Amino acid sequence: MLFSYTYVPHSIEKMQEYVDFIFYEVWCNAPTSEYGIELFENNADLKNVVEELWRHDLAGKPKKSAQFFLNGLNNIFNEFKGLTHSDITQFKIWYESNNDIEKCCRNDQTISPIKYEKLKIKFEKLTEELENFFKNLYSENFLSLDLIEKNIGTKKDYYSKFVLINNEDICPFCGITLLDGKYDQARDAYDHYLPKSLYPFNSINFKNLPPACNACNSKYKLANDPIDINGFARRAFYPFSNIPYKLDFKIIFSPANWNDYAPNDITISVGPVDYANEISTWFDVYAIEDRYKSLMCKKNAGKYWITQLQNWINRGRKVDEFFRELAESESDSPYADFNFLKKPFLEACYQSGLFIKDYDNGAWTGKN
């Protein structure tokens, strides 16, 4: 990704804290406990939530959007009850691993993330219950319940505070699409970076929920896995990394026809080499190469940039002045007007001889 977000603490993190308590204090103690409200005694807020849901259920007025929650608490407890001590120890390792998103992205060998498909091999029924619980845990219907909102707040409120700090206003996963910001009524979606369809335990962990534009989230990434490809672990950018970095774009452009160039005429390479693995994953998961090449071929992007430089030349101004100003703009505001791509693209055009060709009646006619 082009840049990392700054993580912004918020009360909505309490839902993950509830899940931590449920996992460690309720489910993992199942072999030596009986299921009941007393298991939630050491977490007053969570106990109140569970008690209120139970009251509605007993009164014949269940909160339908919370049925998965009540059923899941009990059903998963019963499945954990039959686990051995070594099984539970292993589940704790998996749980901690899946929630350490930064180490997952680094492909840290000290952790062992688990997917549903692997978990299901030995724990089929338990895996089904976990899938139902964690996939529904993030649902809007559940999180918008009054008793949930009053305890943890809302995703919308979290987003409004998030964009005050993270105010680039551009999707860091593509650099193409503007994100909704503090002046917009709507908000962009949170993306499950480790997809909730693949990984248990982290569907409500907001360190796994960076905002992303609709194109990145719903058209390109979908359920693509940033830390695993065909069973092989890989490194990925961590969306909330506090280690600064800057990507360096190099472009080679050699079109056969300047009037009708196409993506195949463009070659993109990105550094630095220290991030080669992360960049490779980023390109794969978000189809970055295809999207950037397409952008450089569009009338109101790449082709307009060419026109801007040609107009500069036609006015008798020096090319080096244009690139000096463009370099300053790229340094000050790399994501405005796609400067991070515009600069290397126009440099490639110039190096390929485009601006030393005759220009006659709107068509490039050949080198001088």
Protein backbone atom coordinates (compact mmCIF):
# COMPACT_ATOMS: atom_id res chain seq x y z
CA MET A 1 0.00 0.00 0.00
CA LEU A 2 1.09 3.55 -0.61
CA PHE A 3 1.13 4.59 3.04
CA SER A 4 0.04 3.28 6.43
CA TYR A 5 -2.81 4.47 8.56
CA THR A 6 -2.38 5.77 12.09
CA TYR A 7 -4.37 3.56 14.43
CA VAL A 8 -6.98 5.52 16.40
CA PRO A 9 -8.18 4.05 19.72
CA HIS A 10 -11.95 4.05 20.23
CA SER A 11 -14.56 2.52 22.52
CA ILE A 12 -15.60 0.22 19.67
CA GLU A 13 -12.54 -1.87 20.59
CA LYS A 14 -14.54 -3.07 23.59
CA MET A 15 -16.27 -5.64 21.40
CA GLN A 16 -12.93 -7.34 20.76
CA GLU A 17 -12.27 -7.11 24.51
CA TYR A 18 -15.60 -8.89 25.09
CA VAL A 19 -14.56 -11.58 22.64
CA ASP A 20 -11.18 -11.96 24.38
CA PHE A 21 -12.99 -12.49 27.67
CA ILE A 22 -15.45 -14.95 26.13
CA PHE A 23 -12.65 -16.95 24.54
CA TYR A 24 -10.26 -17.13 27.50
CA GLU A 25 -12.58 -16.99 30.50
CA VAL A 26 -15.64 -18.80 29.18
CA TRP A 27 -14.85 -21.16 26.31
CA CYS A 28 -11.33 -22.17 27.36
CA ASN A 29 -12.61 -22.98 30.87
CA ALA A 30 -15.47 -25.08 29.54
CA PRO A 31 -13.96 -28.49 30.45
CA THR A 32 -14.05 -27.58 34.16
CA SER A 33 -17.16 -25.37 34.25
CA GLU A 34 -20.91 -25.40 33.76
CA TYR A 35 -22.41 -22.83 31.46
CA GLY A 36 -24.20 -19.98 33.24
CA ILE A 37 -24.28 -16.23 33.75
CA GLU A 38 -21.75 -16.47 36.58
CA LEU A 39 -19.06 -17.15 33.98
CA PHE A 40 -19.35 -13.49 32.92
CA GLU A 41 -19.04 -12.17 36.48
CA ASN A 42 -15.62 -10.60 35.95
CA ASN A 43 -16.75 -8.46 33.02
CA ALA A 44 -19.68 -6.36 34.19
CA ASP A 45 -20.48 -4.71 30.84
CA LEU A 46 -20.48 -8.00 28.97
CA LYS A 47 -22.52 -9.65 31.71
CA ASN A 48 -25.15 -6.92 31.38
CA VAL A 49 -25.31 -7.48 27.60
CA VAL A 50 -25.71 -11.23 27.99
CA GLU A 51 -28.30 -10.87 30.77
CA GLU A 52 -30.41 -8.43 28.77
CA LEU A 53 -30.35 -10.68 25.72
CA TRP A 54 -31.34 -13.63 27.88
CA ARG A 55 -34.23 -11.67 29.42
CA HIS A 56 -35.61 -10.81 26.00
CA ASP A 57 -35.19 -14.42 24.94
CA LEU A 58 -36.98 -15.81 28.01
CA ALA A 59 -39.78 -13.28 27.59
CA GLY A 60 -40.44 -14.59 24.11
CA LYS A 61 -39.20 -11.35 22.55
CA PRO A 62 -35.75 -12.35 21.34
CA LYS A 63 -33.43 -9.93 19.64
CA LYS A 64 -33.34 -11.83 16.36
CA SER A 65 -30.11 -10.23 15.22
CA ALA A 66 -28.49 -11.45 18.46
CA GLN A 67 -29.62 -15.07 18.33
CA PHE A 68 -26.34 -16.12 16.78
CA PHE A 69 -24.57 -14.48 19.74
CA LEU A 70 -26.53 -16.26 22.47
CA ASN A 71 -26.51 -19.57 20.61
CA GLY A 72 -22.84 -19.23 19.79
CA LEU A 73 -21.82 -18.56 23.39
CA ASN A 74 -23.52 -21.78 24.49
CA ASN A 75 -22.82 -24.01 21.47
CA ILE A 76 -19.12 -23.16 21.29
CA PHE A 77 -18.84 -23.64 25.06
CA ASN A 78 -20.27 -27.13 24.67
CA GLU A 79 -17.84 -27.94 21.87
CA PHE A 80 -14.89 -26.67 23.95
CA LYS A 81 -16.08 -28.84 26.81
CA GLY A 82 -14.96 -31.91 24.89
CA LEU A 83 -11.50 -30.59 24.06
CA THR A 84 -8.33 -31.85 25.69
CA HIS A 85 -5.92 -29.61 27.56
CA SER A 86 -3.50 -29.73 24.60
CA ASP A 87 -6.35 -28.85 22.20
CA ILE A 88 -7.20 -25.76 24.23
CA THR A 89 -3.55 -24.75 24.42
CA GLN A 90 -3.40 -24.98 20.63
CA PHE A 91 -6.59 -22.93 20.25
CA LYS A 92 -5.04 -20.23 22.42
CA ILE A 93 -2.03 -20.11 20.09
CA TRP A 94 -4.30 -19.86 17.05
CA TYR A 95 -6.44 -17.18 18.68
CA GLU A 96 -3.46 -15.04 19.64
CA SER A 97 -1.86 -15.54 16.23
CA ASN A 98 -4.96 -14.56 14.25
CA ASN A 99 -5.34 -11.41 16.28
CA ASP A 100 -1.73 -10.27 15.94
CA ILE A 101 -2.29 -8.76 12.50
CA GLU A 102 1.11 -7.08 12.38
CA LYS A 103 2.99 -10.34 12.93
CA CYS A 104 0.73 -12.10 10.43
CA CYS A 105 1.67 -9.48 7.83
CA ARG A 106 5.37 -9.90 8.61
CA ASN A 107 5.09 -13.67 8.24
CA ASP A 108 6.55 -13.86 11.74
CA GLN A 109 7.60 -17.45 12.43
CA THR A 110 6.75 -17.17 16.13
CA ILE A 111 3.01 -17.26 15.44
CA SER A 112 0.70 -19.81 13.80
CA PRO A 113 -2.37 -18.26 12.12
CA ILE A 114 -5.17 -20.69 11.32
CA LYS A 115 -7.84 -20.76 8.65
CA TYR A 116 -11.31 -22.27 8.87
CA GLU A 117 -10.48 -24.81 6.16
CA LYS A 118 -7.60 -26.23 8.20
CA LEU A 119 -9.45 -26.01 11.49
CA LYS A 120 -12.34 -27.96 10.03
CA ILE A 121 -10.20 -31.03 9.36
CA LYS A 122 -10.11 -31.98 13.05
CA PHE A 123 -12.86 -29.82 14.57
CA GLU A 124 -15.68 -29.84 12.02
CA LYS A 125 -18.66 -29.05 14.26
CA LEU A 126 -16.74 -26.51 16.35
CA THR A 127 -15.50 -24.80 13.18
CA GLU A 128 -19.07 -24.46 11.90
CA GLU A 129 -20.10 -22.82 15.17
CA LEU A 130 -17.09 -20.49 15.15
CA GLU A 131 -17.77 -19.46 11.53
CA ASN A 132 -21.37 -18.60 12.31
CA PHE A 133 -20.43 -16.68 15.44
CA PHE A 134 -17.55 -14.60 14.09
CA LYS A 135 -19.02 -13.84 10.68
CA ASN A 136 -22.22 -12.52 12.30
CA LEU A 137 -20.35 -10.67 15.03
CA TYR A 138 -19.50 -7.87 12.60
CA SER A 139 -23.04 -7.62 11.17
CA GLU A 140 -24.64 -4.19 11.18
CA ASN A 141 -27.88 -5.54 12.65
CA PHE A 142 -26.07 -6.85 15.70
CA LEU A 143 -23.72 -3.90 16.24
CA SER A 144 -26.60 -1.42 15.89
CA LEU A 145 -28.56 -2.92 18.77
CA ASP A 146 -29.11 -0.26 21.43
CA LEU A 147 -27.51 -2.31 24.20
CA ILE A 148 -24.42 -2.85 22.03
CA GLU A 149 -24.09 0.74 20.83
CA LYS A 150 -24.37 2.17 24.33
CA ASN A 151 -21.41 0.03 25.39
CA ILE A 152 -19.08 0.27 22.41
CA GLY A 153 -20.27 3.17 20.25
CA THR A 154 -20.75 2.95 16.50
CA LYS A 155 -18.63 2.28 13.44
CA LYS A 156 -19.74 5.65 12.08
CA ASP A 157 -18.49 7.50 15.16
CA TYR A 158 -15.21 5.61 15.01
CA TYR A 159 -14.85 6.52 11.33
CA SER A 160 -15.49 10.22 12.02
CA LYS A 161 -12.69 10.23 14.59
CA PHE A 162 -10.46 8.09 12.38
CA VAL A 163 -10.52 10.50 9.44
CA LEU A 164 -9.63 13.46 11.64
CA ILE A 165 -6.24 11.83 12.16
CA ASN A 166 -6.00 9.97 8.85
CA ASN A 167 -6.80 12.92 6.60
CA GLU A 168 -5.04 12.12 3.31
CA ASP A 169 -8.56 11.62 1.88
CA ILE A 170 -7.27 9.01 -0.56
CA CYS A 171 -7.44 5.23 -0.38
CA PRO A 172 -3.95 4.03 0.61
CA PHE A 173 -4.50 0.68 -1.05
CA CYS A 174 -4.76 2.19 -4.53
CA GLY A 175 -4.13 5.95 -4.42
CA ILE A 176 -6.80 6.29 -7.11
CA THR A 177 -10.07 6.81 -5.24
CA LEU A 178 -10.92 9.57 -2.77
CA LEU A 179 -12.21 8.33 0.58
CA ASP A 180 -15.15 9.83 2.42
CA GLY A 181 -13.84 12.35 4.92
CA LYS A 182 -15.03 14.59 7.72
CA TYR A 183 -17.28 16.66 5.43
CA ASP A 184 -19.05 13.65 3.91
CA GLN A 185 -22.25 12.23 5.34
CA ALA A 186 -21.42 8.71 4.25
CA ARG A 187 -18.36 6.65 5.13
CA ASP A 188 -16.28 4.10 3.31
CA ALA A 189 -16.38 0.47 4.38
CA TYR A 190 -13.94 -1.21 6.70
CA ASP A 191 -12.10 -4.00 4.95
CA HIS A 192 -11.39 -7.27 6.73
CA TYR A 193 -7.73 -7.31 5.77
CA LEU A 194 -7.43 -10.95 6.83
CA PRO A 195 -10.77 -11.97 5.31
CA LYS A 196 -13.44 -12.96 7.81
CA SER A 197 -14.54 -15.70 5.41
CA LEU A 198 -11.11 -17.34 5.82
CA TYR A 199 -9.87 -16.54 9.33
CA PRO A 200 -11.61 -17.05 12.68
CA PHE A 201 -11.32 -14.90 15.79
CA ASN A 202 -10.55 -11.43 14.32
CA SER A 203 -13.74 -10.28 12.57
CA ILE A 204 -14.24 -7.45 15.09
CA ASN A 205 -10.56 -6.62 15.65
CA PHE A 206 -10.19 -3.09 14.29
CA LYS A 207 -6.48 -3.60 13.67
CA ASN A 208 -7.80 -5.94 10.99
CA LEU A 209 -10.33 -3.38 9.73
CA PRO A 210 -8.70 -0.56 7.77
CA PRO A 211 -11.05 1.63 5.71
CA ALA A 212 -10.77 1.04 1.96
CA CYS A 213 -12.47 2.46 -1.10
CA ASN A 214 -15.29 0.51 -2.70
CA ALA A 215 -13.15 -0.50 -5.67
CA CYS A 216 -10.40 -1.96 -3.51
CA ASN A 217 -12.76 -3.60 -1.06
CA SER A 218 -15.56 -4.88 -3.28
CA LYS A 219 -14.07 -5.19 -6.76
CA TYR A 220 -10.46 -6.22 -6.37
CA LYS A 221 -9.49 -7.54 -2.94
CA LEU A 222 -12.73 -9.34 -2.09
CA ALA A 223 -11.62 -12.45 -0.15
CA ASN A 224 -8.06 -12.46 -1.52
CA ASP A 225 -5.66 -13.42 1.24
CA PRO A 226 -2.75 -11.00 1.76
CA ILE A 227 -0.71 -13.39 3.94
CA ASP A 228 -1.16 -16.68 2.10
CA ILE A 229 -1.25 -17.74 -1.55
CA ASN A 230 -2.06 -21.32 -2.46
CA GLY A 231 -0.91 -22.54 0.93
CA PHE A 232 2.35 -20.56 0.96
CA ALA A 233 2.83 -17.76 3.47
CA ARG A 234 3.78 -14.34 2.15
CA ARG A 235 4.56 -10.92 3.55
CA ALA A 236 2.11 -8.04 3.25
CA PHE A 237 1.98 -4.39 4.23
CA TYR A 238 0.51 -3.95 7.71
CA PRO A 239 -2.18 -1.24 7.35
CA PHE A 240 -1.33 0.37 10.71
CA SER A 241 2.45 0.13 10.64
CA ASN A 242 4.29 2.88 12.49
CA ILE A 243 7.43 2.32 10.41
CA PRO A 244 7.58 5.02 7.71
CA TYR A 245 8.39 4.09 4.13
CA LYS A 246 8.14 5.66 0.68
CA LEU A 247 7.58 3.70 -2.51
CA ASP A 248 9.61 4.56 -5.57
CA PHE A 249 7.93 4.13 -8.96
CA LYS A 250 9.84 3.57 -12.17
CA ILE A 251 8.08 3.42 -15.53
CA ILE A 252 9.26 2.39 -18.97
CA PHE A 253 7.10 3.47 -21.89
CA SER A 254 7.68 2.25 -25.47
CA PRO A 255 4.49 2.53 -27.52
CA ALA A 256 4.37 1.61 -31.19
CA ASN A 257 1.68 4.23 -31.72
CA TRP A 258 1.66 7.35 -29.55
CA ASN A 259 -1.89 8.21 -30.62
CA ASP A 260 -3.29 4.90 -29.43
CA TYR A 261 -0.98 3.50 -26.80
CA ALA A 262 -2.21 0.71 -24.51
CA PRO A 263 -1.40 -0.85 -21.11
CA ASN A 264 0.91 -3.39 -22.76
CA ASP A 265 3.16 -0.50 -23.79
CA ILE A 266 3.85 0.35 -20.14
CA THR A 267 6.17 -1.39 -17.67
CA ILE A 268 5.99 -0.54 -13.95
CA SER A 269 8.52 -1.37 -11.26
CA VAL A 270 8.29 -0.31 -7.64
CA GLY A 271 10.88 -0.18 -4.87
CA PRO A 272 12.57 -0.10 -2.50
CA VAL A 273 13.89 -3.64 -2.68
CA ASP A 274 13.50 -4.01 1.11
CA TYR A 275 9.75 -4.10 0.50
CA ALA A 276 9.81 -6.32 -2.59
CA ASN A 277 7.68 -9.05 -0.99
CA GLU A 278 5.10 -6.64 0.40
CA ILE A 279 4.91 -4.83 -2.93
CA SER A 280 4.42 -8.11 -4.79
CA THR A 281 1.54 -9.04 -2.47
CA TRP A 282 0.02 -5.57 -2.83
CA PHE A 283 0.14 -5.76 -6.61
CA ASP A 284 -1.46 -9.20 -6.56
CA VAL A 285 -4.23 -8.62 -4.03
CA TYR A 286 -5.37 -5.24 -5.38
CA ALA A 287 -4.55 -5.72 -9.10
CA ILE A 288 -2.36 -2.63 -8.83
CA GLU A 289 -0.37 -3.05 -12.02
CA ASP A 290 -3.44 -3.38 -14.23
CA ARG A 291 -5.19 -0.47 -12.53
CA TYR A 292 -2.21 1.88 -12.78
CA LYS A 293 -1.54 1.00 -16.42
CA SER A 294 -5.22 1.60 -17.20
CA LEU A 295 -5.08 4.97 -15.42
CA MET A 296 -2.11 6.06 -17.50
CA CYS A 297 -4.06 5.26 -20.67
CA LYS A 298 -7.17 7.22 -19.72
CA LYS A 299 -8.19 10.48 -21.41
CA ASN A 300 -8.47 12.42 -18.14
CA ALA A 301 -5.37 10.97 -16.51
CA GLY A 302 -2.29 9.82 -18.46
CA LYS A 303 -3.29 11.36 -21.77
CA TYR A 304 -4.16 14.65 -20.07
CA TRP A 305 -0.78 14.68 -18.31
CA ILE A 306 0.90 14.39 -21.70
CA THR A 307 -1.18 17.32 -22.96
CA GLN A 308 -0.16 19.39 -19.92
CA LEU A 309 3.53 18.92 -20.66
CA GLN A 310 3.05 19.51 -24.39
CA ASN A 311 1.20 22.77 -23.69
CA TRP A 312 4.07 23.81 -21.43
CA ILE A 313 6.55 23.15 -24.25
CA ASN A 314 4.34 24.91 -26.79
CA ARG A 315 4.43 28.04 -24.64
CA GLY A 316 8.20 28.04 -24.96
CA ARG A 317 8.93 27.01 -21.41
CA LYS A 318 11.79 24.71 -20.49
CA VAL A 319 11.13 21.03 -19.87
CA ASP A 320 13.47 20.91 -16.89
CA GLU A 321 11.39 23.62 -15.20
CA PHE A 322 8.26 21.52 -15.66
CA PHE A 323 9.86 18.48 -14.09
CA ARG A 324 11.35 20.54 -11.28
CA GLU A 325 7.90 21.87 -10.38
CA LEU A 326 6.37 18.41 -10.76
CA ALA A 327 9.03 16.94 -8.45
CA GLU A 328 8.21 19.59 -5.85
CA SER A 329 4.50 18.79 -6.15
CA GLU A 330 5.19 15.06 -5.89
CA SER A 331 7.29 15.63 -2.78
CA ASP A 332 4.77 17.94 -1.10
CA SER A 333 1.55 16.17 -2.18
CA PRO A 334 2.33 12.78 -3.72
CA TYR A 335 -1.33 11.67 -3.89
CA ALA A 336 -2.83 14.89 -5.25
CA ASP A 337 -3.50 14.63 -8.98
CA PHE A 338 -1.80 11.19 -8.87
CA ASN A 339 1.59 12.92 -8.63
CA PHE A 340 3.26 9.71 -7.45
CA LEU A 341 2.41 8.21 -10.88
CA LYS A 342 2.27 11.35 -12.98
CA LYS A 343 5.93 12.22 -12.42
CA PRO A 344 7.47 8.84 -13.40
CA PHE A 345 5.00 8.45 -16.27
CA LEU A 346 5.87 11.78 -17.88
CA GLU A 347 9.56 11.15 -17.27
CA ALA A 348 9.16 7.86 -19.14
CA CYS A 349 7.32 9.62 -21.97
CA TYR A 350 10.08 12.18 -22.27
CA GLN A 351 12.86 9.61 -22.11
CA SER A 352 11.11 7.63 -24.85
CA GLY A 353 11.27 10.63 -27.19
CA LEU A 354 7.64 11.69 -27.21
CA PHE A 355 8.30 15.41 -26.78
CA ILE A 356 11.00 15.64 -29.45
CA LYS A 357 8.62 14.45 -32.15
CA ASP A 358 6.95 16.65 -34.73
CA TYR A 359 3.44 17.64 -33.79
CA ASP A 360 1.22 18.23 -36.82
CA ASN A 361 -2.55 18.75 -36.75
CA GLY A 362 -2.97 16.96 -33.48
CA ALA A 363 -0.97 13.82 -34.35
CA TRP A 364 2.55 12.69 -33.55
CA THR A 365 4.32 12.19 -36.88
CA GLY A 366 7.83 11.00 -36.12
CA LYS A 367 11.18 12.02 -34.69
CA ASN A 368 13.02 15.15 -35.80
